[in-house]
Amino acid sequence: MYSIPSYYELGSCSSSGNFLQGVVLSSSRTTTTNMGNSSCSTAEKKAEAASKNHSEAERRRRKRINTHLATLHKASLLAEVVRRLRELKKTTAEFAANDTNSETSQSNLFPTECDELNLCHSETEPGTIKATLCCEDRPELISEITAAVKAAEGKVVRAEMATVGGRTKSILWVQFVSPTGCGSGGGGEGRLRRGLKGVVNRAAALSSTGPGLQALPDNKRARLSQY
């Protein structure tokens, strides 16, 4: 802002004209400067707003990409889990099929609380007797079983045995030297049954009368069967 001097302060006309011209030029330059500053300020604001808009758009774009990547990762993990479950299901089915087709399974191999002896003809091996006996475990048990098979003129072609908590269960597949040994009469099969029955009874007797041992409860009495 410029103050206009009075008539007395202006002096002569030429001086007054020069002074007024200077005031007008100064005012014009000031207005031009203010307009330039205003234009620069507006351009800076527009550039700042454009930068913010660009940053926000870029942030949204990265967010969309990350969301898609996360979805793809989850889908791939789910596909891998499904594939693995199918493989495990197939393996389990194969094990179950093999277990069903087999004459023995892991569940049937565990010893029970009952002393038992069972003889039957093998379903998968013709001419073979399958002998299953369960009794108390003791150090000489295997040698007694071997002696019983030998006395019956038999040969063990396959054997499975499991011992848990002092109880043992043995499954033997026995073939006889004599062709008639596998018959239902008294031959080798009869001698094998009597020999193994003696092994089971001896184990029960030793368990019930041994030093420091109590008599067996009723559920541990010998249980014998042929077929």
Protein backbone atom coordinates (compact mmCIF):
# COMPACT_ATOMS: atom_id res chain seq x y z
CA MET A 1 0.00 0.00 0.00
CA TYR A 2 1.28 3.46 -0.90
CA SER A 3 0.01 6.74 0.57
CA ILE A 4 -0.68 9.52 -1.89
CA PRO A 5 1.02 12.76 -0.82
CA SER A 6 -0.90 16.01 -0.64
CA TYR A 7 -0.72 18.75 -3.18
CA TYR A 8 1.89 20.60 -1.20
CA GLU A 9 3.98 17.51 -0.90
CA LEU A 10 3.84 16.81 -4.61
CA GLY A 11 5.50 20.00 -5.65
CA SER A 12 5.51 20.83 -9.35
CA CYS A 13 3.37 19.14 -11.99
CA SER A 14 6.30 17.36 -13.63
CA SER A 15 7.50 16.08 -10.34
CA SER A 16 4.00 14.99 -9.44
CA GLY A 17 3.60 13.15 -12.71
CA ASN A 18 6.85 11.29 -12.26
CA PHE A 19 5.91 10.32 -8.77
CA LEU A 20 2.47 9.05 -9.77
CA GLN A 21 3.96 7.05 -12.61
CA GLY A 22 6.36 5.40 -10.18
CA VAL A 23 3.52 4.54 -7.82
CA VAL A 24 1.51 2.94 -10.66
CA LEU A 25 4.50 0.90 -11.90
CA SER A 26 5.30 -0.29 -8.40
CA SER A 27 1.71 -1.33 -7.82
CA SER A 28 1.66 -3.18 -11.14
CA ARG A 29 4.82 -5.10 -10.30
CA THR A 30 3.43 -6.02 -6.89
CA THR A 31 0.20 -7.34 -8.47
CA THR A 32 2.17 -9.36 -11.01
CA THR A 33 4.35 -10.84 -8.27
CA ASN A 34 1.32 -11.82 -6.22
CA MET A 35 -0.33 -13.45 -9.23
CA GLY A 36 2.87 -15.39 -9.96
CA ASN A 37 3.08 -16.61 -6.38
CA SER A 38 -0.57 -17.64 -6.47
CA SER A 39 -0.03 -19.57 -9.71
CA CYS A 40 3.01 -21.38 -8.24
CA SER A 41 1.05 -22.27 -5.10
CA THR A 42 -1.82 -23.70 -7.15
CA ALA A 43 0.55 -25.78 -9.30
CA GLU A 44 2.27 -27.17 -6.20
CA LYS A 45 -1.06 -28.12 -4.68
CA LYS A 46 -2.11 -29.87 -7.88
CA ALA A 47 1.21 -31.74 -8.05
CA GLU A 48 0.90 -32.79 -4.39
CA ALA A 49 -2.68 -33.98 -4.93
CA ALA A 50 -1.63 -35.94 -8.03
CA SER A 51 1.22 -37.56 -6.08
CA LYS A 52 -1.15 -38.57 -3.29
CA ASN A 53 -3.62 -40.01 -5.80
CA HIS A 54 -0.83 -41.96 -7.49
CA SER A 55 0.43 -43.32 -4.15
CA GLU A 56 -3.09 -44.36 -3.14
CA ALA A 57 -3.65 -46.08 -6.48
CA GLU A 58 -0.33 -47.89 -6.17
CA ARG A 59 -1.20 -49.00 -2.64
CA ARG A 60 -4.53 -50.39 -3.79
CA ARG A 61 -2.82 -52.16 -6.69
CA ARG A 62 -0.28 -53.84 -4.36
CA LYS A 63 -3.09 -54.81 -2.01
CA ARG A 64 -5.01 -56.49 -4.86
CA ILE A 65 -1.88 -58.34 -5.97
CA ASN A 66 -1.16 -59.54 -2.42
CA THR A 67 -4.77 -60.68 -2.02
CA HIS A 68 -4.58 -62.69 -5.26
CA LEU A 69 -1.25 -64.22 -4.23
CA ALA A 70 -2.65 -65.21 -0.84
CA THR A 71 -5.66 -66.81 -2.53
CA LEU A 72 -3.43 -68.76 -4.91
CA HIS A 73 -1.21 -69.89 -2.02
CA LYS A 74 -4.21 -71.13 -0.05
CA ALA A 75 -5.56 -72.93 -3.11
CA SER A 76 -2.22 -74.66 -3.73
CA LEU A 77 -1.99 -75.71 -0.07
CA LEU A 78 -5.54 -77.07 -0.17
CA ALA A 79 -4.78 -79.01 -3.34
CA GLU A 80 -1.67 -80.49 -1.73
CA VAL A 81 -3.65 -81.50 1.38
CA VAL A 82 -6.32 -83.16 -0.76
CA ARG A 83 -3.67 -85.03 -2.74
CA ARG A 84 -1.96 -86.21 0.43
CA LEU A 85 -5.24 -87.34 1.98
CA ARG A 86 -6.07 -89.34 -1.14
CA GLU A 87 -2.66 -91.02 -0.99
CA LEU A 88 -3.12 -91.89 2.68
CA LYS A 89 -6.63 -93.19 2.02
CA LYS A 90 -5.31 -95.37 -0.81
CA THR A 91 -2.46 -96.68 1.36
CA THR A 92 -4.85 -97.43 4.22
CA ALA A 93 -7.18 -99.30 1.87
CA GLU A 94 -4.26 -101.36 0.56
CA PHE A 95 -3.17 -102.24 4.07
CA ALA A 96 -6.73 -103.16 5.01
CA ALA A 97 -7.06 -105.36 1.93
CA ASN A 98 -3.79 -107.13 2.67
CA ASP A 99 -4.80 -107.54 6.29
CA THR A 100 -8.16 -109.03 5.30
CA ASN A 101 -6.61 -111.46 2.83
CA SER A 102 -3.99 -112.58 5.33
CA GLU A 103 -4.63 -115.34 7.83
CA THR A 104 -3.12 -113.19 10.57
CA SER A 105 -3.27 -109.49 11.30
CA GLN A 106 -1.54 -107.22 13.77
CA SER A 107 -4.68 -107.05 15.91
CA ASN A 108 -5.00 -110.87 16.03
CA LEU A 109 -1.34 -111.35 16.93
CA PHE A 110 -1.52 -109.71 20.36
CA PRO A 111 -1.74 -112.22 23.22
CA THR A 112 -4.94 -112.45 25.27
CA GLU A 113 -5.51 -113.16 28.95
CA CYS A 114 -6.72 -116.71 28.21
CA ASP A 115 -4.49 -119.74 27.72
CA GLU A 116 -5.60 -121.23 24.41
CA LEU A 117 -4.62 -123.68 21.69
CA ASN A 118 -6.22 -123.82 18.28
CA LEU A 119 -5.35 -126.04 15.29
CA CYS A 120 -6.86 -125.64 11.83
CA HIS A 121 -6.00 -126.18 8.19
CA SER A 122 -4.34 -123.20 6.51
CA GLU A 123 -6.57 -121.42 3.99
CA THR A 124 -3.67 -120.14 1.89
CA GLU A 125 -1.19 -123.00 2.14
CA PRO A 126 -2.68 -126.43 1.34
CA GLY A 127 -1.30 -129.36 3.32
CA THR A 128 -0.32 -127.05 6.19
CA ILE A 129 -1.64 -126.94 9.75
CA LYS A 130 -1.97 -123.54 11.40
CA ALA A 131 -1.41 -123.82 15.16
CA THR A 132 -2.14 -120.89 17.47
CA LEU A 133 -1.22 -121.02 21.14
CA CYS A 134 -1.33 -118.33 23.82
CA CYS A 135 0.09 -118.72 27.33
CA GLU A 136 2.41 -117.21 29.91
CA ASP A 137 5.87 -116.44 28.58
CA ARG A 138 8.91 -118.25 29.97
CA PRO A 139 12.52 -118.79 28.80
CA GLU A 140 12.09 -122.44 27.75
CA LEU A 141 8.84 -121.93 25.84
CA ILE A 142 10.39 -121.85 22.34
CA SER A 143 12.43 -124.99 22.95
CA GLU A 144 9.31 -126.83 24.21
CA ILE A 145 7.34 -125.79 21.11
CA THR A 146 10.21 -126.92 18.88
CA ALA A 147 10.32 -130.30 20.67
CA ALA A 148 6.54 -130.76 20.26
CA VAL A 149 6.71 -130.06 16.50
CA LYS A 150 9.70 -132.38 16.10
CA ALA A 151 7.95 -135.20 18.01
CA ALA A 152 5.00 -134.91 15.59
CA GLU A 153 7.43 -135.22 12.64
CA GLY A 154 6.50 -131.74 11.50
CA LYS A 155 8.42 -128.79 10.14
CA VAL A 156 7.68 -125.13 10.86
CA VAL A 157 7.53 -123.29 7.53
CA ARG A 158 6.38 -120.00 8.98
CA ALA A 159 6.04 -118.54 12.46
CA GLU A 160 4.83 -115.34 14.09
CA MET A 161 5.15 -114.48 17.78
CA ALA A 162 4.26 -111.53 19.99
CA THR A 163 4.95 -111.01 23.70
CA VAL A 164 3.20 -108.32 25.76
CA GLY A 165 3.15 -107.98 29.55
CA GLY A 166 4.49 -111.46 30.25
CA ARG A 167 2.00 -113.10 27.88
CA THR A 168 3.02 -114.59 24.55
CA LYS A 169 1.11 -115.68 21.47
CA SER A 170 2.64 -117.91 18.81
CA ILE A 171 1.20 -118.78 15.40
CA LEU A 172 2.88 -121.68 13.59
CA TRP A 173 2.39 -123.07 10.10
CA VAL A 174 3.48 -126.68 10.25
CA GLN A 175 3.94 -129.20 7.45
CA PHE A 176 4.42 -132.92 8.13
CA VAL A 177 7.02 -135.20 6.67
CA SER A 178 4.44 -137.99 6.22
CA PRO A 179 1.72 -137.32 3.60
CA THR A 180 -0.90 -138.58 6.08
CA GLY A 181 0.36 -136.40 8.90
CA CYS A 182 -2.07 -133.60 8.05
CA GLY A 183 -5.17 -135.78 8.20
CA SER A 184 -7.88 -135.48 10.82
CA GLY A 185 -6.86 -138.78 12.45
CA GLY A 186 -4.32 -139.35 15.12
CA GLY A 187 -1.12 -139.16 12.93
CA GLY A 188 1.21 -136.20 13.00
CA GLU A 189 -1.60 -133.73 13.57
CA GLY A 190 -2.81 -135.59 16.65
CA ARG A 191 0.72 -135.79 18.07
CA LEU A 192 1.20 -132.06 17.39
CA ARG A 193 -2.03 -131.22 19.19
CA ARG A 194 -1.09 -133.29 22.22
CA GLY A 195 2.43 -131.89 22.32
CA LEU A 196 1.31 -128.26 22.13
CA LYS A 197 -1.47 -128.93 24.65
CA GLY A 198 1.20 -130.12 27.05
CA VAL A 199 3.18 -126.89 26.42
CA VAL A 200 0.15 -124.71 27.23
CA ASN A 201 -0.81 -126.76 30.28
CA ARG A 202 2.76 -126.70 31.57
CA ALA A 203 2.88 -122.91 31.21
CA ALA A 204 -0.38 -122.58 33.15
CA ALA A 205 0.82 -124.97 35.85
CA LEU A 206 4.13 -123.17 36.30
CA SER A 207 2.38 -119.80 36.44
CA SER A 208 -0.06 -120.96 39.11
CA THR A 209 2.34 -122.98 41.30
CA GLY A 210 5.66 -121.24 40.76
CA PRO A 211 7.48 -119.66 43.70
CA GLY A 212 6.03 -116.34 44.74
CA LEU A 213 3.17 -116.59 42.18
CA GLN A 214 -0.55 -116.81 42.88
CA ALA A 215 -3.02 -119.14 41.19
CA LEU A 216 -4.35 -117.99 37.85
CA PRO A 217 -7.89 -116.52 37.79
CA ASP A 218 -10.64 -118.39 36.00
CA ASN A 219 -10.28 -116.34 32.80
CA LYS A 220 -6.73 -117.70 32.34
CA ARG A 221 -7.68 -121.40 32.28
CA ALA A 222 -6.60 -123.27 29.19
CA ARG A 223 -9.00 -123.18 26.28
CA LEU A 224 -8.38 -125.78 23.59
CA SER A 225 -10.02 -126.14 20.21
CA GLN A 226 -9.34 -128.17 17.07
CA TYR A 227 -11.21 -126.53 14.16
